[in-house]
Amino acid sequence: MKRTQSFRIIVAAGLVATLLSACNTVKGAGRDVESVGRAGERVID
């Protein structure tokens, strides 16, 4: 494997681990998505 491909895999695995630990339930994931939407609306306004 190339070095850049290995790096991308490691970064992707880290992001997945972070997301899974932050949103351990469907309800939690919904709250996270909702909060991102609200933040986006504030930036646009």
C-alpha atoms as a PDB file:
ATOM      1  CA  MET A   1       0.000   0.000   0.000  1.00  0.00           C
ATOM      2  CA  LYS A   2       1.108   3.515  -0.655  1.00  0.00           C
ATOM      3  CA  ARG A   3       1.836   5.776   2.260  1.00  0.00           C
ATOM      4  CA  THR A   4      -0.948   8.254   1.402  1.00  0.00           C
ATOM      5  CA  GLN A   5      -3.502   5.466   1.132  1.00  0.00           C
ATOM      6  CA  SER A   6      -2.487   4.130   4.540  1.00  0.00           C
ATOM      7  CA  PHE A   7      -2.765   7.625   5.994  1.00  0.00           C
ATOM      8  CA  ARG A   8      -6.278   8.036   4.572  1.00  0.00           C
ATOM      9  CA  ILE A   9      -7.363   4.716   6.049  1.00  0.00           C
ATOM     10  CA  ILE A  10      -6.028   5.683   9.477  1.00  0.00           C
ATOM     11  CA  VAL A  11      -7.756   9.077   9.353  1.00  0.00           C
ATOM     12  CA  ALA A  12     -11.047   7.501   8.224  1.00  0.00           C
ATOM     13  CA  ALA A  13     -10.863   4.920  11.023  1.00  0.00           C
ATOM     14  CA  GLY A  14     -10.264   7.699  13.544  1.00  0.00           C
ATOM     15  CA  LEU A  15     -13.251   9.665  12.280  1.00  0.00           C
ATOM     16  CA  VAL A  16     -15.502   6.611  12.421  1.00  0.00           C
ATOM     17  CA  ALA A  17     -14.371   5.846  15.966  1.00  0.00           C
ATOM     18  CA  THR A  18     -15.052   9.429  17.009  1.00  0.00           C
ATOM     19  CA  LEU A  19     -18.504   9.430  15.454  1.00  0.00           C
ATOM     20  CA  LEU A  20     -19.428   6.111  17.009  1.00  0.00           C
ATOM     21  CA  SER A  21     -18.349   7.219  20.459  1.00  0.00           C
ATOM     22  CA  ALA A  22     -20.151  10.559  20.128  1.00  0.00           C
ATOM     23  CA  CYS A  23     -23.403   9.136  18.734  1.00  0.00           C
ATOM     24  CA  ASN A  24     -23.860   5.810  20.452  1.00  0.00           C
ATOM     25  CA  THR A  25     -27.621   5.857  19.893  1.00  0.00           C
ATOM     26  CA  VAL A  26     -29.883   6.807  17.005  1.00  0.00           C
ATOM     27  CA  LYS A  27     -31.423   9.494  19.203  1.00  0.00           C
ATOM     28  CA  GLY A  28     -27.975  10.916  19.907  1.00  0.00           C
ATOM     29  CA  ALA A  29     -27.133  10.912  16.207  1.00  0.00           C
ATOM     30  CA  GLY A  30     -30.355  12.812  15.485  1.00  0.00           C
ATOM     31  CA  ARG A  31     -29.448  15.416  18.079  1.00  0.00           C
ATOM     32  CA  ASP A  32     -25.992  15.826  16.569  1.00  0.00           C
ATOM     33  CA  VAL A  33     -27.398  16.321  13.061  1.00  0.00           C
ATOM     34  CA  GLU A  34     -29.970  18.769  14.394  1.00  0.00           C
ATOM     35  CA  SER A  35     -27.336  20.828  16.203  1.00  0.00           C
ATOM     36  CA  VAL A  36     -25.206  21.012  13.060  1.00  0.00           C
ATOM     37  CA  GLY A  37     -28.251  22.250  11.135  1.00  0.00           C
ATOM     38  CA  ARG A  38     -28.930  24.936  13.723  1.00  0.00           C
ATOM     39  CA  ALA A  39     -25.310  26.077  13.656  1.00  0.00           C
ATOM     40  CA  GLY A  40     -25.441  26.277   9.871  1.00  0.00           C
ATOM     41  CA  GLU A  41     -28.592  28.385  10.021  1.00  0.00           C
ATOM     42  CA  ARG A  42     -26.938  30.776  12.465  1.00  0.00           C
ATOM     43  CA  VAL A  43     -23.948  31.187  10.169  1.00  0.00           C
ATOM     44  CA  ILE A  44     -26.154  31.822   7.146  1.00  0.00           C
ATOM     45  CA  ASP A  45     -28.278  34.385   8.991  1.00  0.00           C
END
